[in-house]
């Protein structure tokens, strides 16, 4: 996989993602990818694994199949985006994001401010789709990669400030915008959004969330490789 470029990266969780591109992909491609197989490896169809080049010549618009699975010890998936990079007619590189080419059917909510819990609901453990480029230009070099997003969760600072320490920003000293030793929060001023001037400083609790994610290696379309 690494030698041929079929790799992916994540922001931390062990999300799995695989993508394959081609001009015609079988109807059961999602089942094949979920089972750890794909029709390019077996020779069933000409195509490209992630990290590779689409076969030539071009036939219609590229189809990109993307399958992803959540980290079993983390949170379910929210959506898959396709990011396309290309060179426009003036030679300038461009990027276009096709957001939510497949996504959860449940409502996406922020984690609890009280305890940072995430509502699992009916969000999926796996997502898969076959996406066709609606803006394909056969004379334009381009690449495609998938971005997989988890449900929103608490940033480490939200855990520390709102759950572990339960910082109360109303106890900031208005004279200097700092916590006193007696407050029990000294050194946790970064948990607060502080405003005002000496003598009138005040703060409000902040709550930062993140969306952990994974990125697949790109699939390339190169006009110069056509016969």
Protein backbone atom coordinates (compact mmCIF):
# COMPACT_ATOMS: atom_id res chain seq x y z
CA UNK A 1 0.00 0.00 0.00
CA UNK A 2 2.69 2.53 0.97
CA UNK A 3 4.91 1.65 -2.00
CA UNK A 4 2.13 2.31 -4.50
CA UNK A 5 0.85 5.41 -2.65
CA UNK A 6 -2.38 3.88 -1.36
CA UNK A 7 -2.15 5.61 2.02
CA UNK A 8 -4.17 7.95 4.17
CA UNK A 9 -3.72 10.15 7.20
CA UNK A 10 -5.86 11.20 10.15
CA UNK A 11 -5.92 13.97 12.72
CA UNK A 12 -5.65 11.35 15.45
CA UNK A 13 -8.43 8.75 15.42
CA UNK A 14 -7.94 5.45 13.61
CA UNK A 15 -10.47 6.20 10.89
CA UNK A 16 -10.10 3.94 7.86
CA UNK A 17 -10.65 5.25 4.34
CA UNK A 18 -10.20 3.76 0.88
CA UNK A 19 -10.95 5.27 -2.48
CA UNK A 20 -10.76 4.05 -6.06
CA UNK A 21 -11.31 5.91 -9.30
CA UNK A 22 -12.36 4.89 -12.77
CA UNK A 23 -14.59 5.65 -15.70
CA UNK A 24 -16.98 2.79 -14.95
CA UNK A 25 -17.22 1.19 -11.52
CA UNK A 26 -19.33 -1.87 -10.57
CA UNK A 27 -22.56 -1.44 -8.63
CA UNK A 28 -21.18 -3.39 -5.67
CA UNK A 29 -18.02 -1.30 -5.31
CA UNK A 30 -18.99 -0.15 -1.77
CA UNK A 31 -19.40 -3.76 -0.64
CA UNK A 32 -16.05 -4.65 -2.16
CA UNK A 33 -14.24 -1.76 -0.47
CA UNK A 34 -15.89 -2.56 2.88
CA UNK A 35 -14.65 -6.16 2.55
CA UNK A 36 -11.10 -4.95 1.87
CA UNK A 37 -11.20 -5.70 -1.86
CA UNK A 38 -11.55 -3.59 -4.97
CA UNK A 39 -12.08 -4.39 -8.65
CA UNK A 40 -8.90 -2.61 -9.75
CA UNK A 41 -6.71 -5.05 -7.83
CA UNK A 42 -8.61 -8.03 -9.21
CA UNK A 43 -8.49 -6.67 -12.77
CA UNK A 44 -12.28 -6.56 -13.01
CA UNK A 45 -12.21 -2.94 -14.21
CA UNK A 46 -9.48 -0.51 -15.29
CA UNK A 47 -9.05 2.21 -12.70
CA UNK A 48 -6.83 3.79 -10.11
CA UNK A 49 -6.25 3.12 -6.46
CA UNK A 50 -5.81 6.21 -4.29
CA UNK A 51 -2.35 7.56 -4.96
CA UNK A 52 -2.47 6.54 -8.62
CA UNK A 53 -3.40 7.91 -12.04
CA UNK A 54 -6.72 7.37 -13.79
CA UNK A 55 -6.36 5.15 -16.87
CA UNK A 56 -6.50 6.75 -20.28
CA UNK A 57 -8.15 7.70 -22.50
CA UNK A 58 -10.88 9.62 -20.70
CA UNK A 59 -14.37 8.13 -20.99
CA UNK A 60 -17.03 10.49 -19.75
CA UNK A 61 -16.43 11.92 -16.24
CA UNK A 62 -14.30 10.29 -13.54
CA UNK A 63 -16.09 8.30 -10.87
CA UNK A 64 -14.56 8.25 -7.39
CA UNK A 65 -15.72 5.60 -4.92
CA UNK A 66 -14.96 6.35 -1.27
CA UNK A 67 -15.49 4.06 1.72
CA UNK A 68 -14.76 5.06 5.33
CA UNK A 69 -15.10 3.42 8.72
CA UNK A 70 -15.01 5.11 12.12
CA UNK A 71 -12.43 4.42 14.79
CA UNK A 72 -14.28 1.83 16.94
CA UNK A 73 -13.04 3.57 20.09
CA UNK A 74 -14.07 7.06 19.00
CA UNK A 75 -17.15 8.69 17.48
CA UNK A 76 -19.30 7.90 14.42
CA UNK A 77 -18.91 9.58 11.05
CA UNK A 78 -20.53 12.81 9.93
CA UNK A 79 -19.80 13.10 6.22
CA UNK A 80 -17.38 12.61 3.34
CA UNK A 81 -16.20 15.52 1.17
CA UNK A 82 -14.39 15.33 -2.17
CA UNK A 83 -11.69 17.92 -2.78
CA UNK A 84 -10.73 18.57 -6.38
CA UNK A 85 -7.62 20.42 -7.44
CA UNK A 86 -7.12 21.54 -11.02
CA UNK A 87 -5.31 24.01 -13.25
CA UNK A 88 -7.57 26.58 -14.89
CA UNK A 89 -7.31 28.00 -18.42
CA UNK A 90 -4.81 30.65 -17.26
CA UNK A 91 -2.53 28.06 -15.66
CA UNK A 92 -3.53 29.00 -12.12
CA UNK A 93 -4.06 26.18 -9.60
CA UNK A 94 -7.57 26.00 -8.16
CA UNK A 95 -9.31 23.95 -5.46
CA UNK A 96 -13.01 23.14 -5.22
CA UNK A 97 -14.72 21.35 -2.34
CA UNK A 98 -17.74 19.12 -2.94
CA UNK A 99 -19.08 18.95 0.59
CA UNK A 100 -21.19 16.10 1.92
CA UNK A 101 -21.16 13.81 -1.11
CA UNK A 102 -22.46 11.29 1.42
CA UNK A 103 -23.43 12.11 5.00
CA UNK A 104 -25.31 11.04 8.08
CA UNK A 105 -29.09 11.22 7.99
CA UNK A 106 -29.24 12.11 11.69
CA UNK A 107 -28.91 15.65 13.09
CA UNK A 108 -25.33 16.74 13.76
CA UNK A 109 -25.00 18.41 17.16
CA UNK A 110 -22.17 19.93 19.16
CA UNK A 111 -21.00 17.99 22.22
CA UNK A 112 -22.46 18.74 25.64
CA UNK A 113 -21.02 21.83 27.32
CA UNK A 114 -21.62 20.17 30.67
CA UNK A 115 -19.61 16.96 30.23
CA UNK A 116 -18.39 16.94 26.58
CA UNK A 117 -20.50 13.88 25.80
CA UNK A 118 -21.37 13.24 22.14
CA UNK A 119 -24.82 12.01 21.16
CA UNK A 120 -24.23 8.87 19.13
CA UNK A 121 -27.81 8.70 17.86
CA UNK A 122 -28.17 6.97 14.51
CA UNK A 123 -24.96 8.29 13.02
CA UNK A 124 -23.13 5.72 10.85
CA UNK A 125 -20.07 3.64 11.62
CA UNK A 126 -19.41 3.45 7.86
CA UNK A 127 -20.08 5.69 4.88
CA UNK A 128 -19.60 4.91 1.21
CA UNK A 129 -20.57 6.51 -2.08
CA UNK A 130 -19.68 6.70 -5.76
CA UNK A 131 -19.27 10.32 -6.83
CA UNK A 132 -19.08 11.57 -10.42
CA UNK A 133 -17.28 14.85 -11.18
CA UNK A 134 -20.02 17.21 -12.43
CA UNK A 135 -17.47 19.76 -13.69
CA UNK A 136 -15.00 17.52 -15.50
CA UNK A 137 -12.89 19.02 -18.29
CA UNK A 138 -10.93 16.40 -20.23
CA UNK A 139 -8.32 19.01 -21.16
CA UNK A 140 -7.59 19.99 -17.57
CA UNK A 141 -5.10 18.29 -15.22
CA UNK A 142 -6.77 17.52 -11.91
CA UNK A 143 -6.69 15.44 -8.75
CA UNK A 144 -9.31 14.22 -6.30
CA UNK A 145 -9.06 13.20 -2.67
CA UNK A 146 -11.58 12.31 0.02
CA UNK A 147 -11.93 13.97 3.41
CA UNK A 148 -13.83 12.09 6.11
CA UNK A 149 -15.22 13.94 9.15
CA UNK A 150 -16.26 12.59 12.53
CA UNK A 151 -19.02 14.10 14.62
CA UNK A 152 -17.95 17.27 16.46
CA UNK A 153 -16.23 16.60 19.78
CA UNK A 154 -14.56 18.62 22.50
CA UNK A 155 -11.11 20.09 21.97
CA UNK A 156 -8.66 19.09 24.68
CA UNK A 157 -8.95 22.56 26.22
CA UNK A 158 -12.73 22.18 26.53
CA UNK A 159 -12.23 18.94 28.45
CA UNK A 160 -9.70 20.63 30.73
CA UNK A 161 -11.60 23.87 31.29
CA UNK A 162 -15.23 22.75 31.30
CA UNK A 163 -15.08 19.19 32.62
CA UNK A 164 -11.87 18.44 34.52
CA UNK A 165 -11.50 21.84 36.24
CA UNK A 166 -15.00 23.34 35.77
CA UNK A 167 -13.50 26.83 35.56
CA UNK A 168 -15.77 29.71 36.59
CA UNK A 169 -14.70 32.78 34.61
CA UNK A 170 -16.92 35.06 36.70
CA UNK A 171 -14.28 34.74 39.45
CA UNK A 172 -11.63 36.61 37.50
CA UNK A 173 -10.15 39.56 39.38
CA UNK A 174 -11.51 42.72 37.66
CA UNK A 175 -8.34 44.58 38.62
CA UNK A 176 -5.97 42.48 36.49
CA UNK A 177 -8.05 39.85 34.68
CA UNK A 178 -6.33 37.04 36.59
CA UNK A 179 -7.57 34.34 38.94
CA UNK A 180 -6.53 34.57 42.57
CA UNK A 181 -5.04 31.64 44.44
CA UNK A 182 -8.21 31.48 46.56
CA UNK A 183 -10.40 30.95 43.48
CA UNK A 184 -8.75 27.61 42.79
CA UNK A 185 -8.41 28.49 39.10
CA UNK A 186 -5.06 30.30 39.05
CA UNK A 187 -3.27 29.53 35.78
CA UNK A 188 -6.51 28.74 33.93
CA UNK A 189 -7.13 32.23 32.57
CA UNK A 190 -6.83 30.78 29.06
CA UNK A 191 -10.19 29.09 29.62
CA UNK A 192 -11.87 32.50 29.51
CA UNK A 193 -12.55 35.12 26.86
CA UNK A 194 -11.43 38.21 28.76
CA UNK A 195 -12.52 41.77 27.97
CA UNK A 196 -12.28 45.16 29.63
CA UNK A 197 -9.59 47.37 31.10
CA UNK A 198 -7.73 47.36 34.43
CA UNK A 199 -10.34 47.58 37.15
CA UNK A 200 -13.17 46.32 34.94
CA UNK A 201 -11.87 43.05 33.48
CA UNK A 202 -14.45 40.31 33.06
CA UNK A 203 -14.46 36.95 31.37
CA UNK A 204 -16.83 34.39 29.92
CA UNK A 205 -16.26 30.68 29.57
CA UNK A 206 -15.20 29.49 26.14
CA UNK A 207 -16.12 26.14 24.59
CA UNK A 208 -13.97 24.88 21.72
CA UNK A 209 -14.91 21.89 19.57
CA UNK A 210 -13.13 20.04 16.79
CA UNK A 211 -14.06 17.70 13.96
CA UNK A 212 -11.50 14.90 13.80
CA UNK A 213 -10.92 13.72 10.25
CA UNK A 214 -9.06 11.55 7.77
CA UNK A 215 -7.67 12.28 4.32
CA UNK A 216 -7.18 9.79 1.49
CA UNK A 217 -4.32 9.95 -0.99
CA UNK A 218 -5.34 11.73 -4.21
CA UNK A 219 -6.35 10.14 -7.47
CA UNK A 220 -4.79 11.95 -10.41
CA UNK A 221 -5.99 12.80 -13.89
CA UNK A 222 -3.17 13.92 -16.19
CA UNK A 223 -3.95 15.05 -19.72
CA UNK A 224 -0.35 14.52 -20.83
CA UNK A 225 -0.57 10.80 -20.15
CA UNK A 226 -3.20 10.23 -22.82
CA UNK A 227 -2.01 8.25 -25.84
